[in-house]
PDB file of N, CA and C in Angstrom:
ATOM      1  N   MET A   1      94.107 154.355 122.198  1.00  0.00           N
ATOM      2  CA  MET A   1      93.048 153.684 122.583  1.00  0.00           C
ATOM      3  C   MET A   1      92.498 153.387 121.403  1.00  0.00           C
ATOM      4  N   LEU A   2      91.909 151.728 121.064  1.00  0.00           N
ATOM      5  CA  LEU A   2      91.758 151.602 119.963  1.00  0.00           C
ATOM      6  C   LEU A   2      90.895 152.104 119.419  1.00  0.00           C
ATOM      7  N   ALA A   3      90.372 151.963 118.272  1.00  0.00           N
ATOM      8  CA  ALA A   3      89.089 152.266 117.863  1.00  0.00           C
ATOM      9  C   ALA A   3      88.271 151.280 117.786  1.00  0.00           C
ATOM     10  N   MET A   4      86.661 151.711 117.747  1.00  0.00           N
ATOM     11  CA  MET A   4      85.720 150.964 118.005  1.00  0.00           C
ATOM     12  C   MET A   4      85.634 149.878 117.112  1.00  0.00           C
ATOM     13  N   ALA A   5      86.215 150.058 116.053  1.00  0.00           N
ATOM     14  CA  ALA A   5      85.909 149.145 114.669  1.00  0.00           C
ATOM     15  C   ALA A   5      86.977 148.050 114.934  1.00  0.00           C
ATOM     16  N   GLU A   6      88.046 148.460 115.647  1.00  0.00           N
ATOM     17  CA  GLU A   6      89.490 147.821 115.985  1.00  0.00           C
ATOM     18  C   GLU A   6      89.248 146.478 116.970  1.00  0.00           C
ATOM     19  N   ALA A   7      88.742 146.985 117.945  1.00  0.00           N
ATOM     20  CA  ALA A   7      88.523 146.376 119.474  1.00  0.00           C
ATOM     21  C   ALA A   7      87.451 145.168 118.941  1.00  0.00           C
ATOM     22  N   GLU A   8      87.107 145.491 117.893  1.00  0.00           N
ATOM     23  CA  GLU A   8      85.303 144.556 117.585  1.00  0.00           C
ATOM     24  C   GLU A   8      85.801 142.688 117.105  1.00  0.00           C
ATOM     25  N   GLN A   9      86.743 143.243 116.314  1.00  0.00           N
ATOM     26  CA  GLN A   9      87.205 142.082 115.550  1.00  0.00           C
ATOM     27  C   GLN A   9      88.292 141.360 116.377  1.00  0.00           C
ATOM     28  N   PRO A  10      88.223 139.914 116.218  1.00  0.00           N
ATOM     29  CA  PRO A  10      89.092 139.128 116.753  1.00  0.00           C
ATOM     30  C   PRO A  10      90.117 139.343 116.587  1.00  0.00           C
ATOM     31  N   PRO A  11      91.883 139.255 116.816  1.00  0.00           N
ATOM     32  CA  PRO A  11      93.108 139.152 116.360  1.00  0.00           C
ATOM     33  C   PRO A  11      92.983 138.055 115.654  1.00  0.00           C
ATOM     34  N   LYS A  12      93.707 138.607 114.220  1.00  0.00           N
ATOM     35  CA  LYS A  12      94.045 137.376 113.229  1.00  0.00           C
ATOM     36  C   LYS A  12      94.997 136.940 113.454  1.00  0.00           C
ATOM     37  N   GLU A  13      94.932 135.323 113.042  1.00  0.00           N
ATOM     38  CA  GLU A  13      96.777 134.564 113.311  1.00  0.00           C
ATOM     39  C   GLU A  13      97.087 134.521 111.822  1.00  0.00           C
ATOM     40  N   ASP A  14      97.930 134.485 112.295  1.00  0.00           N
ATOM     41  CA  ASP A  14      99.361 134.537 111.477  1.00  0.00           C
ATOM     42  C   ASP A  14      99.842 132.968 111.195  1.00  0.00           C
ATOM     43  N   LEU A  15      99.359 132.605 109.898  1.00  0.00           N
ATOM     44  CA  LEU A  15      99.252 131.194 109.401  1.00  0.00           C
ATOM     45  C   LEU A  15     100.749 130.807 108.945  1.00  0.00           C
ATOM     46  N   SER A  16     101.325 131.855 108.638  1.00  0.00           N
ATOM     47  CA  SER A  16     102.832 131.970 107.432  1.00  0.00           C
ATOM     48  C   SER A  16     104.028 131.194 108.680  1.00  0.00           C
ATOM     49  N   VAL A  17     103.935 131.152 110.068  1.00  0.00           N
ATOM     50  CA  VAL A  17     104.526 130.939 111.103  1.00  0.00           C
ATOM     51  C   VAL A  17     104.098 130.071 112.311  1.00  0.00           C
ATOM     52  N   GLY A  18     104.967 129.176 112.463  1.00  0.00           N
ATOM     53  CA  GLY A  18     104.685 128.660 113.521  1.00  0.00           C
ATOM     54  C   GLY A  18     104.040 126.780 113.424  1.00  0.00           C
ATOM     55  N   PRO A  19     103.668 126.330 114.139  1.00  0.00           N
ATOM     56  CA  PRO A  19     102.965 124.999 113.803  1.00  0.00           C
ATOM     57  C   PRO A  19     102.400 124.475 112.334  1.00  0.00           C
ATOM     58  N   LEU A  20     100.763 125.709 112.620  1.00  0.00           N
ATOM     59  CA  LEU A  20      99.775 125.636 110.952  1.00  0.00           C
ATOM     60  C   LEU A  20     100.609 125.970 109.633  1.00  0.00           C
ATOM     61  N   SER A  21     102.057 126.483 109.916  1.00  0.00           N
ATOM     62  CA  SER A  21     102.072 126.901 108.385  1.00  0.00           C
ATOM     63  C   SER A  21     102.454 125.594 107.581  1.00  0.00           C
ATOM     64  N   VAL A  22     102.771 123.978 107.958  1.00  0.00           N
ATOM     65  CA  VAL A  22     102.718 123.390 107.450  1.00  0.00           C
ATOM     66  C   VAL A  22     101.448 123.429 106.482  1.00  0.00           C
ATOM     67  N   LEU A  23     100.451 123.397 107.184  1.00  0.00           N
ATOM     68  CA  LEU A  23      99.097 122.866 106.914  1.00  0.00           C
ATOM     69  C   LEU A  23      98.515 124.196 105.873  1.00  0.00           C
ATOM     70  N   SER A  24      98.990 125.380 106.338  1.00  0.00           N
ATOM     71  CA  SER A  24      98.360 126.625 105.420  1.00  0.00           C
ATOM     72  C   SER A  24      99.196 126.477 104.035  1.00  0.00           C
ATOM     73  N   GLU A  25     100.529 126.053 103.696  1.00  0.00           N
ATOM     74  CA  GLU A  25     101.377 126.175 102.773  1.00  0.00           C
ATOM     75  C   GLU A  25     100.737 124.870 101.845  1.00  0.00           C
ATOM     76  N   SER A  26     100.760 124.363 102.252  1.00  0.00           N
ATOM     77  CA  SER A  26     100.065 122.620 101.762  1.00  0.00           C
ATOM     78  C   SER A  26      98.850 123.346 101.016  1.00  0.00           C
ATOM     79  N   VAL A  27      97.841 124.128 101.609  1.00  0.00           N
ATOM     80  CA  VAL A  27      96.882 124.604 100.964  1.00  0.00           C
ATOM     81  C   VAL A  27      97.041 125.257  99.808  1.00  0.00           C
ATOM     82  N   LYS A  28      97.978 126.324  99.885  1.00  0.00           N
ATOM     83  CA  LYS A  28      98.309 127.242  98.878  1.00  0.00           C
ATOM     84  C   LYS A  28      99.321 126.681  97.579  1.00  0.00           C
ATOM     85  N   LYS A  29      99.849 125.739  97.971  1.00  0.00           N
ATOM     86  CA  LYS A  29     100.345 125.325  97.154  1.00  0.00           C
ATOM     87  C   LYS A  29      99.852 123.834  96.357  1.00  0.00           C
ATOM     88  N   ASN A  30      98.788 123.155  97.068  1.00  0.00           N
ATOM     89  CA  ASN A  30      98.261 122.061  96.731  1.00  0.00           C
ATOM     90  C   ASN A  30      99.050 121.139  96.726  1.00  0.00           C
ATOM     91  N   CYS A  31     100.249 121.229  97.991  1.00  0.00           N
ATOM     92  CA  CYS A  31     101.279 119.597  97.734  1.00  0.00           C
ATOM     93  C   CYS A  31     100.541 118.997  98.709  1.00  0.00           C
ATOM     94  N   GLN A  32     101.421 117.854  98.808  1.00  0.00           N
ATOM     95  CA  GLN A  32     101.127 116.279  99.859  1.00  0.00           C
ATOM     96  C   GLN A  32     101.909 116.902 101.011  1.00  0.00           C
ATOM     97  N   VAL A  33     100.957 115.991 101.710  1.00  0.00           N
ATOM     98  CA  VAL A  33     101.799 116.379 103.732  1.00  0.00           C
ATOM     99  C   VAL A  33     101.534 114.637 103.791  1.00  0.00           C
ATOM    100  N   LEU A  34     102.274 113.872 104.761  1.00  0.00           N
ATOM    101  CA  LEU A  34     101.907 112.851 105.310  1.00  0.00           C
ATOM    102  C   LEU A  34     101.291 113.379 106.726  1.00  0.00           C
ATOM    103  N   ILE A  35     100.440 112.268 106.890  1.00  0.00           N
ATOM    104  CA  ILE A  35      99.999 112.320 108.574  1.00  0.00           C
ATOM    105  C   ILE A  35      99.452 111.276 109.170  1.00  0.00           C
ATOM    106  N   ASN A  36      99.936 111.384 110.448  1.00  0.00           N
ATOM    107  CA  ASN A  36     100.673 110.437 111.458  1.00  0.00           C
ATOM    108  C   ASN A  36      99.211 110.411 112.420  1.00  0.00           C
ATOM    109  N   CYS A  37      98.459 109.555 112.170  1.00  0.00           N
ATOM    110  CA  CYS A  37      97.281 109.162 112.965  1.00  0.00           C
ATOM    111  C   CYS A  37      97.452 108.464 114.136  1.00  0.00           C
ATOM    112  N   ARG A  38      96.770 108.580 114.826  1.00  0.00           N
ATOM    113  CA  ARG A  38      96.619 107.502 116.767  1.00  0.00           C
ATOM    114  C   ARG A  38      96.472 106.096 116.203  1.00  0.00           C
ATOM    115  N   ASN A  39      95.483 105.906 115.086  1.00  0.00           N
ATOM    116  CA  ASN A  39      95.325 104.659 115.097  1.00  0.00           C
ATOM    117  C   ASN A  39      96.334 103.562 114.467  1.00  0.00           C
ATOM    118  N   ASN A  40      97.189 104.340 114.455  1.00  0.00           N
ATOM    119  CA  ASN A  40      98.677 103.553 113.974  1.00  0.00           C
ATOM    120  C   ASN A  40      98.615 103.622 112.316  1.00  0.00           C
ATOM    121  N   ARG A  41      97.761 104.396 111.431  1.00  0.00           N
ATOM    122  CA  ARG A  41      97.788 104.826 110.140  1.00  0.00           C
ATOM    123  C   ARG A  41      98.271 105.833 109.588  1.00  0.00           C
ATOM    124  N   LYS A  42      99.045 105.769 108.636  1.00  0.00           N
ATOM    125  CA  LYS A  42      99.637 107.083 107.890  1.00  0.00           C
ATOM    126  C   LYS A  42      98.587 107.261 107.120  1.00  0.00           C
ATOM    127  N   LEU A  43      98.012 109.181 106.804  1.00  0.00           N
ATOM    128  CA  LEU A  43      97.987 109.135 105.518  1.00  0.00           C
ATOM    129  C   LEU A  43      98.644 110.349 104.665  1.00  0.00           C
ATOM    130  N   LEU A  44      98.437 109.979 103.340  1.00  0.00           N
ATOM    131  CA  LEU A  44      99.444 110.670 102.333  1.00  0.00           C
ATOM    132  C   LEU A  44      98.097 111.326 101.134  1.00  0.00           C
ATOM    133  N   ALA A  45      98.195 112.367 101.994  1.00  0.00           N
ATOM    134  CA  ALA A  45      97.048 113.611 101.020  1.00  0.00           C
ATOM    135  C   ALA A  45      97.534 114.744 100.648  1.00  0.00           C
ATOM    136  N   ARG A  46      96.528 115.700 100.054  1.00  0.00           N
ATOM    137  CA  ARG A  46      96.245 116.967  99.659  1.00  0.00           C
ATOM    138  C   ARG A  46      95.189 117.529 100.831  1.00  0.00           C
ATOM    139  N   VAL A  47      95.993 118.681 101.443  1.00  0.00           N
ATOM    140  CA  VAL A  47      94.381 119.437 102.195  1.00  0.00           C
ATOM    141  C   VAL A  47      93.981 120.642 101.526  1.00  0.00           C
ATOM    142  N   LYS A  48      92.546 120.166 101.618  1.00  0.00           N
ATOM    143  CA  LYS A  48      91.749 121.547 101.095  1.00  0.00           C
ATOM    144  C   LYS A  48      91.195 122.220 101.929  1.00  0.00           C
ATOM    145  N   ALA A  49      91.052 122.024 103.665  1.00  0.00           N
ATOM    146  CA  ALA A  49      90.505 122.973 104.553  1.00  0.00           C
ATOM    147  C   ALA A  49      91.328 122.678 105.943  1.00  0.00           C
ATOM    148  N   PHE A  50      91.764 123.706 106.705  1.00  0.00           N
ATOM    149  CA  PHE A  50      92.161 123.140 108.345  1.00  0.00           C
ATOM    150  C   PHE A  50      91.588 124.548 109.182  1.00  0.00           C
ATOM    151  N   ASP A  51      91.383 123.561 110.064  1.00  0.00           N
ATOM    152  CA  ASP A  51      91.020 124.862 111.427  1.00  0.00           C
ATOM    153  C   ASP A  51      92.351 124.894 112.448  1.00  0.00           C
ATOM    154  N   ARG A  52      92.268 125.609 113.551  1.00  0.00           N
ATOM    155  CA  ARG A  52      93.314 125.690 114.578  1.00  0.00           C
ATOM    156  C   ARG A  52      93.601 124.060 115.415  1.00  0.00           C
ATOM    157  N   HIS A  53      92.593 123.569 115.273  1.00  0.00           N
ATOM    158  CA  HIS A  53      92.367 122.075 116.277  1.00  0.00           C
ATOM    159  C   HIS A  53      92.988 120.892 115.177  1.00  0.00           C
ATOM    160  N   CYS A  54      93.297 121.504 114.144  1.00  0.00           N
ATOM    161  CA  CYS A  54      93.687 120.147 113.213  1.00  0.00           C
ATOM    162  C   CYS A  54      92.810 119.521 112.400  1.00  0.00           C
ATOM    163  N   ASN A  55      91.703 119.612 112.613  1.00  0.00           N
ATOM    164  CA  ASN A  55      90.839 119.227 112.109  1.00  0.00           C
ATOM    165  C   ASN A  55      91.061 119.679 110.093  1.00  0.00           C
ATOM    166  N   MET A  56      90.811 118.285 109.499  1.00  0.00           N
ATOM    167  CA  MET A  56      91.155 118.699 107.985  1.00  0.00           C
ATOM    168  C   MET A  56      90.140 118.178 107.059  1.00  0.00           C
ATOM    169  N   VAL A  57      90.185 118.496 106.227  1.00  0.00           N
ATOM    170  CA  VAL A  57      89.103 118.299 104.353  1.00  0.00           C
ATOM    171  C   VAL A  57      90.617 117.582 103.804  1.00  0.00           C
ATOM    172  N   LEU A  58      90.343 116.476 103.312  1.00  0.00           N
ATOM    173  CA  LEU A  58      91.423 115.999 102.570  1.00  0.00           C
ATOM    174  C   LEU A  58      90.963 115.219 101.184  1.00  0.00           C
ATOM    175  N   GLU A  59      91.754 115.745 100.045  1.00  0.00           N
ATOM    176  CA  GLU A  59      91.601 115.303  98.784  1.00  0.00           C
ATOM    177  C   GLU A  59      92.502 113.732  98.787  1.00  0.00           C
ATOM    178  N   ASN A  60      92.059 113.267  97.413  1.00  0.00           N
ATOM    179  CA  ASN A  60      93.556 111.384  97.099  1.00  0.00           C
ATOM    180  C   ASN A  60      93.917 111.451  98.597  1.00  0.00           C
ATOM    181  N   VAL A  61      93.536 110.560  99.425  1.00  0.00           N
ATOM    182  CA  VAL A  61      93.993 110.577 100.202  1.00  0.00           C
ATOM    183  C   VAL A  61      94.299 108.645  99.997  1.00  0.00           C
ATOM    184  N   LYS A  62      95.670 108.578 100.493  1.00  0.00           N
ATOM    185  CA  LYS A  62      96.281 107.336 100.337  1.00  0.00           C
ATOM    186  C   LYS A  62      96.698 106.607 101.710  1.00  0.00           C
ATOM    187  N   GLU A  63      95.591 105.550 102.294  1.00  0.00           N
ATOM    188  CA  GLU A  63      95.758 105.357 103.704  1.00  0.00           C
ATOM    189  C   GLU A  63      96.781 104.295 103.677  1.00  0.00           C
ATOM    190  N   MET A  64      97.535 104.305 104.712  1.00  0.00           N
ATOM    191  CA  MET A  64      98.848 103.328 104.781  1.00  0.00           C
ATOM    192  C   MET A  64      98.726 102.629 106.081  1.00  0.00           C
ATOM    193  N   TRP A  65      98.504 101.224 106.212  1.00  0.00           N
ATOM    194  CA  TRP A  65      99.286 100.461 107.666  1.00  0.00           C
ATOM    195  C   TRP A  65      99.803  99.211 107.376  1.00  0.00           C
ATOM    196  N   THR A  66      99.876  98.707 108.723  1.00  0.00           N
ATOM    197  CA  THR A  66     100.644  97.394 108.423  1.00  0.00           C
ATOM    198  C   THR A  66      99.476  96.407 109.761  1.00  0.00           C
ATOM    199  N   GLU A  67      99.826  95.573 108.811  1.00  0.00           N
ATOM    200  CA  GLU A  67      98.419  94.790 109.902  1.00  0.00           C
ATOM    201  C   GLU A  67      99.582  92.862 110.272  1.00  0.00           C
ATOM    202  N   ALA A  68      99.382  92.718 111.363  1.00  0.00           N
ATOM    203  CA  ALA A  68     100.121  91.112 111.568  1.00  0.00           C
ATOM    204  C   ALA A  68      99.181  89.924 111.665  1.00  0.00           C
ATOM    205  N   PRO A  69      99.505  88.853 110.967  1.00  0.00           N
ATOM    206  CA  PRO A  69      98.317  87.945 110.963  1.00  0.00           C
ATOM    207  C   PRO A  69      98.663  87.227 111.865  1.00  0.00           C
ATOM    208  N   LYS A  70      97.796  86.527 112.495  1.00  0.00           N
ATOM    209  CA  LYS A  70      97.433  86.127 113.909  1.00  0.00           C
ATOM    210  C   LYS A  70      98.285  84.412 113.558  1.00  0.00           C
ATOM    211  N   ALA A  71      98.721  84.082 114.250  1.00  0.00           N
ATOM    212  CA  ALA A  71      99.678  83.154 114.353  1.00  0.00           C
ATOM    213  C   ALA A  71      98.991  82.111 114.952  1.00  0.00           C
ATOM    214  N   GLY A  72      98.586  80.751 114.670  1.00  0.00           N
ATOM    215  CA  GLY A  72      98.069  79.909 114.799  1.00  0.00           C
ATOM    216  C   GLY A  72      99.092  78.758 115.882  1.00  0.00           C
ATOM    217  N   LYS A  73      98.676  77.730 116.789  1.00  0.00           N
ATOM    218  CA  LYS A  73      99.359  77.436 117.704  1.00  0.00           C
ATOM    219  C   LYS A  73     100.903  76.386 116.617  1.00  0.00           C
ATOM    220  N   GLY A  74     101.878  76.434 117.369  1.00  0.00           N
ATOM    221  CA  GLY A  74     102.630  76.394 117.205  1.00  0.00           C
ATOM    222  C   GLY A  74     103.681  76.323 115.635  1.00  0.00           C
ATOM    223  N   LYS A  75     102.753  77.467 115.171  1.00  0.00           N
ATOM    224  CA  LYS A  75     103.577  77.631 113.755  1.00  0.00           C
ATOM    225  C   LYS A  75     104.190  78.880 113.793  1.00  0.00           C
ATOM    226  N   ALA A  76     105.123  79.142 112.941  1.00  0.00           N
ATOM    227  CA  ALA A  76     106.567  80.385 113.164  1.00  0.00           C
ATOM    228  C   ALA A  76     105.362  81.301 112.832  1.00  0.00           C
ATOM    229  N   LYS A  77     106.438  82.644 113.102  1.00  0.00           N
ATOM    230  CA  LYS A  77     105.466  84.052 113.528  1.00  0.00           C
ATOM    231  C   LYS A  77     105.413  84.807 111.863  1.00  0.00           C
ATOM    232  N   ALA A  78     104.078  84.681 111.590  1.00  0.00           N
ATOM    233  CA  ALA A  78     103.973  85.208 110.472  1.00  0.00           C
ATOM    234  C   ALA A  78     104.727  86.776 110.119  1.00  0.00           C
ATOM    235  N   LYS A  79     105.270  86.812 108.824  1.00  0.00           N
ATOM    236  CA  LYS A  79     105.307  88.424 108.822  1.00  0.00           C
ATOM    237  C   LYS A  79     104.375  89.424 108.632  1.00  0.00           C
ATOM    238  N   SER A  80     104.800  90.495 108.708  1.00  0.00           N
ATOM    239  CA  SER A  80     103.701  91.359 108.748  1.00  0.00           C
ATOM    240  C   SER A  80     102.984  91.412 107.148  1.00  0.00           C
ATOM    241  N   ILE A  81     102.083  92.380 107.468  1.00  0.00           N
ATOM    242  CA  ILE A  81     101.826  92.706 106.136  1.00  0.00           C
ATOM    243  C   ILE A  81     101.352  94.677 105.498  1.00  0.00           C
ATOM    244  N   ASN A  82     102.090  94.959 104.834  1.00  0.00           N
ATOM    245  CA  ASN A  82     101.747  96.473 104.246  1.00  0.00           C
ATOM    246  C   ASN A  82     100.306  96.537 103.729  1.00  0.00           C
ATOM    247  N   LYS A  83      99.544  97.339 103.831  1.00  0.00           N
ATOM    248  CA  LYS A  83      98.206  97.399 103.155  1.00  0.00           C
ATOM    249  C   LYS A  83      98.107  99.008 103.065  1.00  0.00           C
ATOM    250  N   ASP A  84      97.231  99.022 101.735  1.00  0.00           N
ATOM    251  CA  ASP A  84      96.884 100.502 101.828  1.00  0.00           C
ATOM    252  C   ASP A  84      95.777 100.870 100.921  1.00  0.00           C
ATOM    253  N   ARG A  85      94.578 101.839 101.219  1.00  0.00           N
ATOM    254  CA  ARG A  85      93.985 102.395  99.999  1.00  0.00           C
ATOM    255  C   ARG A  85      93.633 103.281  99.832  1.00  0.00           C
ATOM    256  N   PHE A  86      92.804 103.617  98.918  1.00  0.00           N
ATOM    257  CA  PHE A  86      92.446 105.023  98.684  1.00  0.00           C
ATOM    258  C   PHE A  86      90.856 105.584  98.394  1.00  0.00           C
ATOM    259  N   ILE A  87      91.611 106.804  98.951  1.00  0.00           N
ATOM    260  CA  ILE A  87      89.970 107.533  99.680  1.00  0.00           C
ATOM    261  C   ILE A  87      89.826 108.824  99.198  1.00  0.00           C
ATOM    262  N   SER A  88      89.111 109.240  97.713  1.00  0.00           N
ATOM    263  CA  SER A  88      88.645 110.092  97.272  1.00  0.00           C
ATOM    264  C   SER A  88      88.783 111.994  98.008  1.00  0.00           C
ATOM    265  N   LYS A  89      87.754 111.340  99.307  1.00  0.00           N
ATOM    266  CA  LYS A  89      87.694 113.041 100.268  1.00  0.00           C
ATOM    267  C   LYS A  89      87.600 112.487 101.509  1.00  0.00           C
ATOM    268  N   MET A  90      87.961 113.564 102.276  1.00  0.00           N
ATOM    269  CA  MET A  90      87.753 112.674 103.557  1.00  0.00           C
ATOM    270  C   MET A  90      88.053 113.758 104.428  1.00  0.00           C
ATOM    271  N   PHE A  91      87.422 113.599 105.694  1.00  0.00           N
ATOM    272  CA  PHE A  91      87.361 114.669 106.351  1.00  0.00           C
ATOM    273  C   PHE A  91      88.017 113.376 107.626  1.00  0.00           C
ATOM    274  N   ILE A  92      88.942 114.451 108.394  1.00  0.00           N
ATOM    275  CA  ILE A  92      89.935 114.230 109.585  1.00  0.00           C
ATOM    276  C   ILE A  92      89.456 114.530 110.747  1.00  0.00           C
ATOM    277  N   ARG A  93      88.893 114.315 111.778  1.00  0.00           N
ATOM    278  CA  ARG A  93      89.467 115.049 113.384  1.00  0.00           C
ATOM    279  C   ARG A  93      90.283 115.439 113.398  1.00  0.00           C
ATOM    280  N   GLY A  94      90.597 116.243 114.773  1.00  0.00           N
ATOM    281  CA  GLY A  94      92.270 116.616 115.292  1.00  0.00           C
ATOM    282  C   GLY A  94      92.428 115.965 115.981  1.00  0.00           C
ATOM    283  N   ASP A  95      92.041 115.395 117.159  1.00  0.00           N
ATOM    284  CA  ASP A  95      92.326 115.158 118.270  1.00  0.00           C
ATOM    285  C   ASP A  95      92.787 113.317 117.861  1.00  0.00           C
ATOM    286  N   SER A  96      93.031 112.966 116.252  1.00  0.00           N
ATOM    287  CA  SER A  96      93.469 111.729 115.787  1.00  0.00           C
ATOM    288  C   SER A  96      94.707 112.512 115.128  1.00  0.00           C
ATOM    289  N   VAL A  97      95.041 112.926 115.298  1.00  0.00           N
ATOM    290  CA  VAL A  97      96.226 113.688 114.111  1.00  0.00           C
ATOM    291  C   VAL A  97      97.381 113.511 115.491  1.00  0.00           C
ATOM    292  N   ILE A  98      98.441 112.671 114.931  1.00  0.00           N
ATOM    293  CA  ILE A  98      99.832 113.368 115.859  1.00  0.00           C
ATOM    294  C   ILE A  98     101.006 113.815 115.370  1.00  0.00           C
ATOM    295  N   MET A  99     101.018 113.929 114.324  1.00  0.00           N
ATOM    296  CA  MET A  99     102.428 114.628 113.123  1.00  0.00           C
ATOM    297  C   MET A  99     101.589 115.265 111.916  1.00  0.00           C
ATOM    298  N   VAL A 100     102.083 115.951 111.455  1.00  0.00           N
ATOM    299  CA  VAL A 100     101.951 116.185 110.013  1.00  0.00           C
ATOM    300  C   VAL A 100     103.337 116.907 109.177  1.00  0.00           C
ATOM    301  N   LEU A 101     103.156 115.969 108.154  1.00  0.00           N
ATOM    302  CA  LEU A 101     105.237 116.287 107.376  1.00  0.00           C
ATOM    303  C   LEU A 101     104.616 116.843 106.052  1.00  0.00           C
ATOM    304  N   LYS A 102     105.389 117.614 106.092  1.00  0.00           N
ATOM    305  CA  LYS A 102     105.523 117.829 104.519  1.00  0.00           C
ATOM    306  C   LYS A 102     105.698 117.066 103.292  1.00  0.00           C
ATOM    307  N   ASN A 103     105.666 116.684 102.255  1.00  0.00           N
ATOM    308  CA  ASN A 103     106.517 115.867 101.281  1.00  0.00           C
ATOM    309  C   ASN A 103     107.274 116.389 100.740  1.00  0.00           C
ATOM    310  N   PRO A 104     108.223 115.462 100.832  1.00  0.00           N
ATOM    311  CA  PRO A 104     109.669 116.392 100.582  1.00  0.00           C
ATOM    312  C   PRO A 104     110.157 116.445  99.002  1.00  0.00           C
ATOM    313  N   ALA A 105     109.094 115.687  98.341  1.00  0.00           N
ATOM    314  CA  ALA A 105     109.075 115.450  96.655  1.00  0.00           C
ATOM    315  C   ALA A 105     108.946 116.916  96.318  1.00  0.00           C
TER     316      ALA A 105
END
């Protein structure tokens, strides 16, 4: 039978294993991750905090995406353009996150 103090505490989640271990390691080691988002943009950033829903507070974010210029009538197909921008601090909601990768560097 569990002691009264043990029964009242919620079970602790072990973040050293499983899918959230990538985010946990990134916070501890202050290393970069690449986040693939639902709006087809990529974020290269350092994770400051996260929760089990993959909501994240990010720092030093480089947002990258590709834009296809609109083609006029009778013109040849235009080349797509890679764009990026820097954001110093960002909160990202977890439902827009598809995948999180460790930076191999």
